[in-house]
Amino acid sequence: VQLQASGGGLVQAGGSLRLSCAASGRTVSSYAMGWFRQAPGKEREVVAAISRSGGYTYYTDSVKGRFTISRDNTKSTVDLHVNNLKPEDTAVYYCAATNTFQINRIYTSDRNYSYWGQGTQVTVSS
């Protein structure tokens, strides 16, 4: 599967963006999905993850209540709605996919993911 992330940009603190990950080559319904981010000088970290079914989600503590992950298996897309952005959210955001038979499992380690998009830059000004 090939992943294409889009939707990043420059926003002021408090602003919102919709990051989108489009999958091609194989239906995204076969994959659990995740969004990760990497800020300069920092390690890559999981931001949110969603099961194949879409019924289970995970958010890292710093984004709970502000970010929402969703998926549309009919369109092979996974979105990350990011609201009330803060300067510390500035990073390159990556979507990732992992093939799994378990429709309700979520994966929060980047070591679980085999497929990665190219990243989209989110910059939040104060």
Protein backbone atom coordinates (compact mmCIF):
# COMPACT_ATOMS: atom_id res chain seq x y z
CA VAL A 1 0.00 0.00 0.00
CA GLN A 2 1.18 3.52 -0.77
CA LEU A 3 0.29 6.37 1.55
CA GLN A 4 0.02 10.04 0.70
CA ALA A 5 -0.32 12.56 3.51
CA SER A 6 -1.58 16.07 2.93
CA GLY A 7 -3.21 19.01 4.66
CA GLY A 8 -0.34 20.48 6.63
CA GLY A 9 0.43 24.17 6.71
CA LEU A 10 1.23 27.25 8.74
CA VAL A 11 -1.41 28.25 11.28
CA GLN A 12 -1.64 30.48 14.30
CA ALA A 13 -2.01 29.07 17.75
CA GLY A 14 -5.60 28.07 18.33
CA GLY A 15 -6.15 27.26 14.69
CA SER A 16 -7.21 24.02 13.04
CA LEU A 17 -6.18 21.78 10.19
CA ARG A 18 -7.38 18.57 8.65
CA LEU A 19 -4.61 16.17 7.80
CA SER A 20 -5.56 13.50 5.32
CA CYS A 21 -3.90 10.22 4.42
CA ALA A 22 -4.89 8.62 1.14
CA ALA A 23 -4.04 4.98 0.51
CA SER A 24 -3.58 3.41 -2.87
CA GLY A 25 -2.56 0.04 -4.15
CA ARG A 26 -4.63 -1.85 -1.66
CA THR A 27 -7.74 -1.08 0.32
CA VAL A 28 -7.01 0.64 3.61
CA SER A 29 -9.61 -1.57 5.32
CA SER A 30 -6.95 -4.26 5.71
CA TYR A 31 -4.77 -2.00 7.84
CA ALA A 32 -4.71 -0.49 11.26
CA MET A 33 -3.59 3.09 10.88
CA GLY A 34 -1.67 5.65 12.86
CA TRP A 35 -0.53 9.23 12.77
CA PHE A 36 2.92 10.06 14.08
CA ARG A 37 4.88 13.28 14.29
CA GLN A 38 8.49 14.27 14.57
CA ALA A 39 9.67 17.66 15.70
CA PRO A 40 13.21 18.90 15.04
CA GLY A 41 15.65 17.29 17.42
CA LYS A 42 13.04 14.97 18.87
CA GLU A 43 12.10 11.37 18.40
CA ARG A 44 9.11 10.37 16.37
CA GLU A 45 6.05 9.90 18.53
CA VAL A 46 2.61 8.47 18.04
CA VAL A 47 -0.16 11.05 17.96
CA ALA A 48 -3.22 8.91 17.28
CA ALA A 49 -4.11 5.45 16.07
CA ILE A 50 -7.23 3.73 14.84
CA SER A 51 -8.24 0.11 14.40
CA ARG A 52 -9.26 -1.46 11.13
CA SER A 53 -12.88 -1.31 12.19
CA GLY A 54 -12.63 2.32 13.23
CA GLY A 55 -14.23 1.39 16.51
CA TYR A 56 -11.10 1.78 18.62
CA THR A 57 -8.87 4.80 18.81
CA TYR A 58 -5.88 5.99 20.78
CA TYR A 59 -4.54 9.47 21.48
CA THR A 60 -1.38 10.51 23.17
CA ASP A 61 -2.11 12.56 26.28
CA SER A 62 -0.94 15.87 24.88
CA VAL A 63 -3.53 15.87 22.08
CA LYS A 64 -6.55 14.37 23.82
CA GLY A 65 -9.59 16.56 23.36
CA ARG A 66 -7.95 18.47 20.50
CA PHE A 67 -7.22 15.87 17.82
CA THR A 68 -9.62 13.39 16.26
CA ILE A 69 -8.67 10.45 14.05
CA SER A 70 -11.20 8.94 11.69
CA ARG A 71 -11.23 6.65 8.70
CA ASP A 72 -13.37 6.05 5.67
CA ASN A 73 -12.64 2.57 4.39
CA THR A 74 -14.81 3.11 1.31
CA LYS A 75 -12.58 6.01 0.27
CA SER A 76 -9.35 4.52 1.64
CA THR A 77 -8.63 7.63 3.67
CA VAL A 78 -7.66 8.31 7.25
CA ASP A 79 -8.02 11.84 8.56
CA LEU A 80 -6.62 13.61 11.56
CA HIS A 81 -8.55 16.68 12.60
CA VAL A 82 -6.29 18.89 14.66
CA ASN A 83 -7.88 21.68 16.64
CA ASN A 84 -6.72 24.29 19.13
CA LEU A 85 -3.20 23.93 17.81
CA LYS A 86 -0.28 24.91 19.99
CA PRO A 87 3.29 25.84 19.02
CA GLU A 88 4.46 22.55 20.52
CA ASP A 89 2.39 20.72 17.90
CA THR A 90 4.84 21.94 15.25
CA ALA A 91 6.28 18.87 13.53
CA VAL A 92 6.24 16.76 10.42
CA TYR A 93 3.20 14.51 10.60
CA TYR A 94 3.30 11.04 9.10
CA CYS A 95 0.56 8.53 8.49
CA ALA A 96 1.39 4.85 8.75
CA ALA A 97 -0.28 1.52 8.12
CA THR A 98 0.12 -1.97 9.44
CA ASN A 99 -1.51 -5.05 7.99
CA THR A 100 -3.41 -7.01 10.62
CA PHE A 101 -6.12 -9.64 10.84
CA GLN A 102 -7.38 -8.13 14.08
CA ILE A 103 -10.08 -5.62 13.22
CA ASN A 104 -10.24 -4.01 16.65
CA ARG A 105 -6.59 -3.76 17.59
CA ILE A 106 -4.70 -0.49 17.67
CA TYR A 107 -0.94 -0.10 17.46
CA THR A 108 0.96 2.71 19.14
CA SER A 109 4.59 1.84 18.43
CA ASP A 110 6.21 2.90 15.19
CA ARG A 111 7.91 -0.49 15.14
CA ASN A 112 4.52 -2.07 14.42
CA TYR A 113 4.06 -0.12 11.20
CA SER A 114 5.40 -1.27 7.85
CA TYR A 115 4.11 1.43 5.54
CA TRP A 116 4.68 5.16 5.83
CA GLY A 117 3.61 8.24 3.99
CA GLN A 118 6.01 11.02 3.10
CA GLY A 119 4.98 13.42 5.85
CA THR A 120 3.27 16.78 5.91
CA GLN A 121 4.62 19.79 7.78
CA VAL A 122 2.52 21.48 10.44
CA THR A 123 3.84 24.75 11.78
CA VAL A 124 2.04 26.60 14.55
CA SER A 125 3.00 30.18 15.26
CA SER A 126 2.46 31.77 18.65
